Amino acid sequence: MILRLLLLVGGGFALWWGWHWWRKASPDKARKALIAAVLAALVLGGILLVVTGKLAGLAAIAAGLSPWIGRALRLHQMWQSVKRMTGRDAPSGQTPPPPPQPPADTAMSRAQAYEVLGIPPGASPEEIQEAHRRLMRSAHPDAGGSTWIAARLNQARDVLLG
């Protein structure tokens, strides 16, 4: 009985002291302290479950929550992807930099076309098609590439085959 009373008084004092510290602390320190307190509570709760022999209950709860945790993680990844695509992950007041502008001279010679596709002069039509396909796999806008680079690859193919 006296042990419970001491624990209750000590816990009340710790909460009172924590509340006063929390109001005066900077947001960064308060965030770190909150994370540390939650982790410490989880560790102490786990130790208490092991000591009392009720760890099986924790395993059942974790098994029941695992599908929801997986869904939440996938949703978080999807949200981060949407933020990156829309440019909303940039610091406030800043917009993502625009894509580079193509040079004013858009005409392409055969030598430039061979250089763009990375093949030697005099390559066969099959080699030209294979180089174009290989480069377009990574440069296509649907794969996260640049529209300008994809257009230059198509232009190089057309110059050499057309």
N, C-alpha and C. Protein backbone atom coordinates (compact mmCIF):
# COMPACT_ATOMS: atom_id res chain seq x y z
N MET A 1 0.82 -1.19 0.00
CA MET A 1 0.00 0.00 0.00
C MET A 1 0.87 1.26 0.00
N ILE A 2 1.90 1.28 0.82
CA ILE A 2 2.78 2.44 0.89
C ILE A 2 3.58 2.59 -0.40
N LEU A 3 3.94 1.45 -1.04
CA LEU A 3 4.68 1.49 -2.30
C LEU A 3 3.82 2.15 -3.38
N ARG A 4 2.55 1.78 -3.44
CA ARG A 4 1.65 2.39 -4.43
C ARG A 4 1.50 3.89 -4.17
N LEU A 5 1.40 4.26 -2.93
CA LEU A 5 1.26 5.68 -2.60
C LEU A 5 2.52 6.45 -3.00
N LEU A 6 3.70 5.88 -2.74
CA LEU A 6 4.94 6.53 -3.15
C LEU A 6 5.04 6.65 -4.67
N LEU A 7 4.65 5.59 -5.38
CA LEU A 7 4.66 5.64 -6.83
C LEU A 7 3.70 6.69 -7.35
N LEU A 8 2.54 6.81 -6.76
CA LEU A 8 1.54 7.79 -7.17
C LEU A 8 2.04 9.21 -6.93
N VAL A 9 2.61 9.46 -5.77
CA VAL A 9 3.15 10.80 -5.46
C VAL A 9 4.32 11.11 -6.39
N GLY A 10 5.21 10.16 -6.58
CA GLY A 10 6.36 10.37 -7.48
C GLY A 10 5.91 10.62 -8.91
N GLY A 11 4.94 9.86 -9.39
CA GLY A 11 4.42 10.06 -10.73
C GLY A 11 3.75 11.42 -10.88
N GLY A 12 3.00 11.83 -9.86
CA GLY A 12 2.37 13.15 -9.89
C GLY A 12 3.40 14.27 -9.92
N PHE A 13 4.45 14.13 -9.12
CA PHE A 13 5.52 15.13 -9.12
C PHE A 13 6.21 15.17 -10.48
N ALA A 14 6.47 14.01 -11.07
CA ALA A 14 7.13 13.96 -12.38
C ALA A 14 6.25 14.62 -13.44
N LEU A 15 4.94 14.38 -13.40
CA LEU A 15 4.05 15.02 -14.36
C LEU A 15 4.03 16.54 -14.17
N TRP A 16 3.99 17.00 -12.91
CA TRP A 16 3.98 18.43 -12.63
C TRP A 16 5.27 19.09 -13.13
N TRP A 17 6.41 18.47 -12.82
CA TRP A 17 7.69 19.00 -13.26
C TRP A 17 7.79 18.99 -14.79
N GLY A 18 7.34 17.88 -15.44
CA GLY A 18 7.36 17.78 -16.90
C GLY A 18 6.50 18.85 -17.56
N TRP A 19 5.34 19.13 -16.97
CA TRP A 19 4.45 20.15 -17.54
C TRP A 19 5.10 21.53 -17.49
N HIS A 20 5.73 21.86 -16.38
CA HIS A 20 6.40 23.16 -16.28
C HIS A 20 7.59 23.24 -17.23
N TRP A 21 8.35 22.21 -17.36
CA TRP A 21 9.48 22.20 -18.29
C TRP A 21 8.98 22.32 -19.72
N TRP A 22 7.91 21.61 -20.05
CA TRP A 22 7.34 21.58 -21.40
C TRP A 22 6.94 22.99 -21.85
N ARG A 23 6.35 23.78 -20.96
CA ARG A 23 5.89 25.12 -21.32
C ARG A 23 7.06 26.06 -21.60
N LYS A 24 8.21 25.83 -20.99
CA LYS A 24 9.35 26.72 -21.16
C LYS A 24 10.32 26.25 -22.24
N ALA A 25 10.24 25.00 -22.65
CA ALA A 25 11.23 24.43 -23.58
C ALA A 25 10.97 24.92 -25.00
N SER A 26 12.04 24.92 -25.80
CA SER A 26 11.90 25.25 -27.22
C SER A 26 11.17 24.11 -27.92
N PRO A 27 10.51 24.38 -29.05
CA PRO A 27 9.77 23.32 -29.73
C PRO A 27 10.64 22.12 -30.12
N ASP A 28 11.88 22.38 -30.53
CA ASP A 28 12.74 21.27 -30.92
C ASP A 28 13.09 20.38 -29.73
N LYS A 29 13.42 21.00 -28.60
CA LYS A 29 13.72 20.22 -27.39
C LYS A 29 12.49 19.48 -26.90
N ALA A 30 11.32 20.14 -26.97
CA ALA A 30 10.09 19.51 -26.51
C ALA A 30 9.75 18.30 -27.38
N ARG A 31 9.96 18.42 -28.68
CA ARG A 31 9.70 17.29 -29.59
C ARG A 31 10.61 16.11 -29.28
N LYS A 32 11.89 16.39 -29.09
CA LYS A 32 12.84 15.31 -28.76
C LYS A 32 12.49 14.66 -27.42
N ALA A 33 12.10 15.49 -26.45
CA ALA A 33 11.75 14.95 -25.14
C ALA A 33 10.48 14.10 -25.23
N LEU A 34 9.53 14.51 -26.04
CA LEU A 34 8.29 13.73 -26.20
C LEU A 34 8.60 12.38 -26.83
N ILE A 35 9.43 12.37 -27.84
CA ILE A 35 9.80 11.10 -28.49
C ILE A 35 10.52 10.20 -27.49
N ALA A 36 11.44 10.76 -26.72
CA ALA A 36 12.16 9.96 -25.72
C ALA A 36 11.21 9.41 -24.66
N ALA A 37 10.24 10.23 -24.23
CA ALA A 37 9.28 9.78 -23.22
C ALA A 37 8.40 8.67 -23.75
N VAL A 38 7.96 8.77 -24.98
CA VAL A 38 7.12 7.72 -25.56
C VAL A 38 7.92 6.43 -25.69
N LEU A 39 9.15 6.52 -26.15
CA LEU A 39 9.99 5.32 -26.26
C LEU A 39 10.26 4.69 -24.90
N ALA A 40 10.52 5.53 -23.89
CA ALA A 40 10.76 5.01 -22.55
C ALA A 40 9.51 4.33 -22.01
N ALA A 41 8.33 4.92 -22.26
CA ALA A 41 7.08 4.30 -21.81
C ALA A 41 6.86 2.96 -22.50
N LEU A 42 7.19 2.88 -23.79
CA LEU A 42 7.05 1.60 -24.50
C LEU A 42 7.98 0.54 -23.93
N VAL A 43 9.22 0.92 -23.65
CA VAL A 43 10.17 -0.03 -23.09
C VAL A 43 9.72 -0.48 -21.70
N LEU A 44 9.32 0.47 -20.86
CA LEU A 44 8.87 0.10 -19.52
C LEU A 44 7.60 -0.75 -19.57
N GLY A 45 6.70 -0.42 -20.48
CA GLY A 45 5.49 -1.25 -20.64
C GLY A 45 5.84 -2.65 -21.10
N GLY A 46 6.80 -2.78 -22.01
CA GLY A 46 7.23 -4.11 -22.45
C GLY A 46 7.86 -4.90 -21.33
N ILE A 47 8.69 -4.24 -20.52
CA ILE A 47 9.30 -4.92 -19.38
C ILE A 47 8.22 -5.37 -18.40
N LEU A 48 7.24 -4.51 -18.15
CA LEU A 48 6.14 -4.86 -17.24
C LEU A 48 5.35 -6.07 -17.78
N LEU A 49 5.12 -6.12 -19.08
CA LEU A 49 4.40 -7.26 -19.65
C LEU A 49 5.21 -8.55 -19.52
N VAL A 50 6.53 -8.46 -19.71
CA VAL A 50 7.37 -9.65 -19.57
C VAL A 50 7.37 -10.12 -18.12
N VAL A 51 7.50 -9.20 -17.17
CA VAL A 51 7.56 -9.56 -15.76
C VAL A 51 6.25 -10.17 -15.29
N THR A 52 5.13 -9.64 -15.75
CA THR A 52 3.82 -10.15 -15.31
C THR A 52 3.35 -11.35 -16.12
N GLY A 53 4.08 -11.71 -17.18
CA GLY A 53 3.71 -12.87 -17.97
C GLY A 53 2.58 -12.62 -18.96
N LYS A 54 2.34 -11.39 -19.32
CA LYS A 54 1.25 -11.06 -20.24
C LYS A 54 1.76 -10.63 -21.60
N LEU A 55 2.90 -11.12 -21.97
CA LEU A 55 3.48 -10.77 -23.26
C LEU A 55 2.66 -11.32 -24.41
N ALA A 56 1.96 -12.42 -24.21
CA ALA A 56 1.13 -13.01 -25.27
C ALA A 56 0.03 -12.03 -25.69
N GLY A 57 -0.51 -11.27 -24.75
CA GLY A 57 -1.52 -10.28 -25.08
C GLY A 57 -0.96 -9.20 -25.99
N LEU A 58 0.26 -8.77 -25.73
CA LEU A 58 0.91 -7.77 -26.57
C LEU A 58 1.13 -8.33 -27.98
N ALA A 59 1.54 -9.60 -28.07
CA ALA A 59 1.74 -10.22 -29.38
C ALA A 59 0.42 -10.27 -30.16
N ALA A 60 -0.69 -10.57 -29.48
CA ALA A 60 -1.98 -10.61 -30.14
C ALA A 60 -2.39 -9.22 -30.64
N ILE A 61 -2.14 -8.21 -29.84
CA ILE A 61 -2.47 -6.84 -30.25
C ILE A 61 -1.62 -6.43 -31.45
N ALA A 62 -0.33 -6.75 -31.41
CA ALA A 62 0.56 -6.41 -32.53
C ALA A 62 0.13 -7.13 -33.80
N ALA A 63 -0.27 -8.41 -33.68
CA ALA A 63 -0.71 -9.15 -34.85
C ALA A 63 -1.99 -8.55 -35.42
N GLY A 64 -2.87 -8.08 -34.57
CA GLY A 64 -4.10 -7.47 -35.05
C GLY A 64 -3.87 -6.12 -35.69
N LEU A 65 -2.86 -5.38 -35.23
CA LEU A 65 -2.59 -4.05 -35.77
C LEU A 65 -1.68 -4.08 -36.99
N SER A 66 -0.99 -5.18 -37.25
CA SER A 66 0.00 -5.20 -38.32
C SER A 66 -0.58 -4.86 -39.70
N PRO A 67 -1.78 -5.33 -40.10
CA PRO A 67 -2.28 -4.90 -41.41
C PRO A 67 -2.53 -3.39 -41.47
N TRP A 68 -3.00 -2.82 -40.38
CA TRP A 68 -3.28 -1.38 -40.36
C TRP A 68 -1.98 -0.59 -40.40
N ILE A 69 -0.95 -1.08 -39.74
CA ILE A 69 0.34 -0.39 -39.77
C ILE A 69 0.92 -0.43 -41.18
N GLY A 70 0.81 -1.59 -41.85
CA GLY A 70 1.28 -1.70 -43.22
C GLY A 70 0.55 -0.74 -44.15
N ARG A 71 -0.76 -0.64 -44.00
CA ARG A 71 -1.54 0.28 -44.83
C ARG A 71 -1.12 1.72 -44.56
N ALA A 72 -0.91 2.05 -43.30
CA ALA A 72 -0.51 3.42 -42.96
C ALA A 72 0.85 3.75 -43.57
N LEU A 73 1.79 2.80 -43.55
CA LEU A 73 3.10 3.05 -44.14
C LEU A 73 3.00 3.23 -45.66
N ARG A 74 2.19 2.41 -46.33
CA ARG A 74 2.01 2.58 -47.78
C ARG A 74 1.35 3.91 -48.10
N LEU A 75 0.37 4.30 -47.30
CA LEU A 75 -0.30 5.58 -47.50
C LEU A 75 0.69 6.73 -47.31
N HIS A 76 1.57 6.62 -46.32
CA HIS A 76 2.57 7.66 -46.09
C HIS A 76 3.52 7.75 -47.29
N GLN A 77 3.96 6.62 -47.83
CA GLN A 77 4.84 6.64 -49.00
C GLN A 77 4.14 7.27 -50.19
N MET A 78 2.86 6.94 -50.38
CA MET A 78 2.11 7.51 -51.48
C MET A 78 1.98 9.03 -51.31
N TRP A 79 1.72 9.49 -50.08
CA TRP A 79 1.60 10.91 -49.82
C TRP A 79 2.91 11.62 -50.10
N GLN A 80 4.04 11.03 -49.71
CA GLN A 80 5.34 11.64 -49.99
C GLN A 80 5.59 11.74 -51.49
N SER A 81 5.17 10.72 -52.25
CA SER A 81 5.32 10.76 -53.70
C SER A 81 4.49 11.87 -54.31
N VAL A 82 3.26 12.03 -53.83
CA VAL A 82 2.40 13.11 -54.34
C VAL A 82 3.01 14.46 -54.02
N LYS A 83 3.56 14.62 -52.82
CA LYS A 83 4.18 15.89 -52.45
C LYS A 83 5.38 16.19 -53.35
N ARG A 84 6.19 15.16 -53.67
CA ARG A 84 7.33 15.37 -54.54
C ARG A 84 6.89 15.74 -55.95
N MET A 85 5.84 15.08 -56.46
CA MET A 85 5.38 15.35 -57.82
C MET A 85 4.78 16.74 -57.95
N THR A 86 4.10 17.21 -56.92
CA THR A 86 3.46 18.51 -56.99
C THR A 86 4.37 19.63 -56.53
N GLY A 87 5.54 19.32 -56.02
CA GLY A 87 6.48 20.33 -55.56
C GLY A 87 6.12 20.90 -54.21
N ARG A 88 5.26 20.22 -53.45
CA ARG A 88 4.85 20.74 -52.15
C ARG A 88 5.83 20.42 -51.04
N ASP A 89 6.88 19.65 -51.35
CA ASP A 89 7.86 19.36 -50.32
C ASP A 89 8.99 20.39 -50.30
N ALA A 90 8.90 21.39 -51.19
CA ALA A 90 9.90 22.46 -51.18
C ALA A 90 9.64 23.36 -49.97
N PRO A 91 10.68 24.02 -49.45
CA PRO A 91 10.47 24.93 -48.33
C PRO A 91 9.46 26.01 -48.69
N SER A 92 8.77 26.53 -47.69
CA SER A 92 7.70 27.48 -47.94
C SER A 92 8.24 28.71 -48.65
N GLY A 93 7.46 29.19 -49.63
CA GLY A 93 7.85 30.37 -50.38
C GLY A 93 8.75 30.06 -51.56
N GLN A 94 9.20 28.83 -51.67
CA GLN A 94 10.08 28.48 -52.79
C GLN A 94 9.36 27.49 -53.69
N THR A 95 9.59 27.63 -54.97
CA THR A 95 9.04 26.67 -55.93
C THR A 95 10.20 25.86 -56.49
N PRO A 96 9.92 24.65 -56.94
CA PRO A 96 11.02 23.86 -57.51
C PRO A 96 11.57 24.53 -58.76
N PRO A 97 12.85 24.35 -59.04
CA PRO A 97 13.43 25.00 -60.21
C PRO A 97 12.81 24.48 -61.49
N PRO A 98 12.66 25.33 -62.50
CA PRO A 98 12.07 24.88 -63.77
C PRO A 98 13.04 23.96 -64.51
N PRO A 99 12.52 23.12 -65.39
CA PRO A 99 13.42 22.25 -66.16
C PRO A 99 14.28 23.09 -67.09
N PRO A 100 15.46 22.58 -67.45
CA PRO A 100 16.34 23.36 -68.32
C PRO A 100 15.70 23.59 -69.68
N GLN A 101 15.96 24.77 -70.24
CA GLN A 101 15.41 25.12 -71.55
C GLN A 101 16.27 24.52 -72.65
N PRO A 102 15.64 24.05 -73.73
CA PRO A 102 16.44 23.51 -74.84
C PRO A 102 17.19 24.63 -75.54
N PRO A 103 18.31 24.29 -76.16
CA PRO A 103 19.06 25.32 -76.88
C PRO A 103 18.24 25.83 -78.07
N ALA A 104 18.57 27.05 -78.50
CA ALA A 104 17.81 27.67 -79.59
C ALA A 104 17.97 26.89 -80.89
N ASP A 105 19.14 26.33 -81.12
CA ASP A 105 19.39 25.58 -82.35
C ASP A 105 18.87 24.15 -82.16
N THR A 106 17.74 23.83 -82.79
CA THR A 106 17.17 22.50 -82.60
C THR A 106 17.44 21.57 -83.78
N ALA A 107 18.07 22.06 -84.84
CA ALA A 107 18.42 21.19 -85.96
C ALA A 107 19.54 20.25 -85.51
N MET A 108 19.47 19.02 -86.00
CA MET A 108 20.45 18.01 -85.58
C MET A 108 21.11 17.39 -86.81
N SER A 109 22.42 17.34 -86.77
CA SER A 109 23.15 16.69 -87.87
C SER A 109 23.25 15.20 -87.60
N ARG A 110 23.69 14.44 -88.61
CA ARG A 110 23.84 12.99 -88.42
C ARG A 110 24.91 12.69 -87.37
N ALA A 111 25.97 13.47 -87.33
CA ALA A 111 27.04 13.25 -86.35
C ALA A 111 26.50 13.49 -84.93
N GLN A 112 25.69 14.54 -84.77
CA GLN A 112 25.09 14.79 -83.47
C GLN A 112 24.12 13.68 -83.08
N ALA A 113 23.39 13.15 -84.06
CA ALA A 113 22.43 12.08 -83.78
C ALA A 113 23.16 10.83 -83.29
N TYR A 114 24.27 10.49 -83.94
CA TYR A 114 25.05 9.34 -83.48
C TYR A 114 25.57 9.57 -82.05
N GLU A 115 26.00 10.80 -81.77
CA GLU A 115 26.52 11.12 -80.44
C GLU A 115 25.41 11.05 -79.39
N VAL A 116 24.21 11.55 -79.72
CA VAL A 116 23.09 11.53 -78.77
C VAL A 116 22.73 10.09 -78.41
N LEU A 117 22.69 9.23 -79.41
CA LEU A 117 22.32 7.83 -79.16
C LEU A 117 23.50 7.00 -78.63
N GLY A 118 24.71 7.55 -78.69
CA GLY A 118 25.87 6.85 -78.15
C GLY A 118 26.28 5.65 -78.97
N ILE A 119 26.15 5.76 -80.27
CA ILE A 119 26.53 4.66 -81.16
C ILE A 119 27.55 5.16 -82.18
N PRO A 120 28.34 4.26 -82.74
CA PRO A 120 29.37 4.70 -83.71
C PRO A 120 28.72 5.05 -85.05
N PRO A 121 29.35 5.95 -85.80
CA PRO A 121 28.82 6.28 -87.13
C PRO A 121 28.77 5.04 -88.01
N GLY A 122 27.74 4.96 -88.81
CA GLY A 122 27.57 3.82 -89.70
C GLY A 122 26.87 2.64 -89.05
N ALA A 123 26.24 2.84 -87.91
CA ALA A 123 25.55 1.74 -87.23
C ALA A 123 24.34 1.29 -88.04
N SER A 124 23.99 0.04 -87.90
CA SER A 124 22.85 -0.51 -88.64
C SER A 124 21.53 0.01 -88.06
N PRO A 125 20.43 -0.07 -88.84
CA PRO A 125 19.13 0.36 -88.32
C PRO A 125 18.71 -0.40 -87.05
N GLU A 126 19.08 -1.67 -86.96
CA GLU A 126 18.75 -2.43 -85.75
C GLU A 126 19.49 -1.88 -84.53
N GLU A 127 20.77 -1.52 -84.72
CA GLU A 127 21.55 -0.95 -83.62
C GLU A 127 20.99 0.41 -83.20
N ILE A 128 20.54 1.19 -84.18
CA ILE A 128 19.94 2.50 -83.89
C ILE A 128 18.66 2.31 -83.08
N GLN A 129 17.80 1.38 -83.50
CA GLN A 129 16.55 1.13 -82.77
C GLN A 129 16.83 0.63 -81.36
N GLU A 130 17.81 -0.26 -81.22
CA GLU A 130 18.12 -0.82 -79.90
C GLU A 130 18.65 0.26 -78.97
N ALA A 131 19.53 1.14 -79.47
CA ALA A 131 20.08 2.23 -78.65
C ALA A 131 18.96 3.19 -78.26
N HIS A 132 18.07 3.49 -79.20
CA HIS A 132 16.94 4.39 -78.91
C HIS A 132 16.05 3.79 -77.81
N ARG A 133 15.70 2.52 -77.93
CA ARG A 133 14.85 1.87 -76.92
C ARG A 133 15.53 1.85 -75.55
N ARG A 134 16.81 1.52 -75.54
CA ARG A 134 17.55 1.45 -74.28
C ARG A 134 17.58 2.81 -73.58
N LEU A 135 17.84 3.85 -74.32
CA LEU A 135 17.91 5.18 -73.71
C LEU A 135 16.53 5.71 -73.31
N MET A 136 15.51 5.37 -74.09
CA MET A 136 14.16 5.86 -73.79
C MET A 136 13.58 5.20 -72.54
N ARG A 137 14.06 4.01 -72.18
CA ARG A 137 13.55 3.38 -70.95
C ARG A 137 13.77 4.26 -69.73
N SER A 138 14.92 4.95 -69.69
CA SER A 138 15.19 5.80 -68.53
C SER A 138 14.86 7.27 -68.78
N ALA A 139 14.81 7.70 -70.05
CA ALA A 139 14.60 9.12 -70.33
C ALA A 139 13.14 9.46 -70.62
N HIS A 140 12.27 8.48 -70.74
CA HIS A 140 10.87 8.76 -71.07
C HIS A 140 10.20 9.53 -69.92
N PRO A 141 9.36 10.51 -70.24
CA PRO A 141 8.68 11.28 -69.18
C PRO A 141 7.83 10.42 -68.25
N ASP A 142 7.27 9.34 -68.73
CA ASP A 142 6.47 8.46 -67.87
C ASP A 142 7.34 7.71 -66.86
N ALA A 143 8.64 7.63 -67.14
CA ALA A 143 9.57 6.97 -66.21
C ALA A 143 10.33 8.00 -65.37
N GLY A 144 9.86 9.24 -65.39
CA GLY A 144 10.50 10.28 -64.60
C GLY A 144 11.57 11.05 -65.34
N GLY A 145 11.66 10.83 -66.65
CA GLY A 145 12.67 11.53 -67.44
C GLY A 145 12.18 12.87 -67.94
N SER A 146 13.03 13.51 -68.71
CA SER A 146 12.76 14.85 -69.24
C SER A 146 12.09 14.74 -70.61
N THR A 147 11.10 15.59 -70.84
CA THR A 147 10.45 15.60 -72.16
C THR A 147 11.42 16.09 -73.23
N TRP A 148 12.29 17.03 -72.87
CA TRP A 148 13.23 17.54 -73.85
C TRP A 148 14.23 16.46 -74.27
N ILE A 149 14.73 15.70 -73.30
CA ILE A 149 15.69 14.63 -73.63
C ILE A 149 15.01 13.57 -74.49
N ALA A 150 13.78 13.21 -74.14
CA ALA A 150 13.05 12.21 -74.93
C ALA A 150 12.84 12.72 -76.35
N ALA A 151 12.54 14.01 -76.50
CA ALA A 151 12.35 14.58 -77.84
C ALA A 151 13.65 14.54 -78.64
N ARG A 152 14.78 14.83 -77.97
CA ARG A 152 16.08 14.77 -78.66
C ARG A 152 16.42 13.34 -79.08
N LEU A 153 16.09 12.36 -78.24
CA LEU A 153 16.33 10.96 -78.62
C LEU A 153 15.48 10.58 -79.82
N ASN A 154 14.22 10.99 -79.81
CA ASN A 154 13.35 10.71 -80.96
C ASN A 154 13.87 11.41 -82.22
N GLN A 155 14.32 12.65 -82.06
CA GLN A 155 14.84 13.39 -83.20
C GLN A 155 16.09 12.70 -83.76
N ALA A 156 16.97 12.22 -82.89
CA ALA A 156 18.18 11.53 -83.35
C ALA A 156 17.81 10.26 -84.11
N ARG A 157 16.85 9.51 -83.59
CA ARG A 157 16.40 8.30 -84.29
C ARG A 157 15.83 8.66 -85.66
N ASP A 158 15.00 9.69 -85.72
CA ASP A 158 14.38 10.08 -86.98
C ASP A 158 15.42 10.57 -88.00
N VAL A 159 16.44 11.30 -87.54
CA VAL A 159 17.48 11.77 -88.45
C VAL A 159 18.23 10.60 -89.04
N LEU A 160 18.52 9.59 -88.21
CA LEU A 160 19.32 8.47 -88.70
C LEU A 160 18.51 7.46 -89.51
N LEU A 161 17.24 7.30 -89.19
CA LEU A 161 16.43 6.30 -89.91
C LEU A 161 15.57 6.92 -91.01
N GLY A 162 15.37 8.22 -90.96
CA GLY A 162 14.42 8.83 -91.90
C GLY A 162 15.10 9.52 -92.98
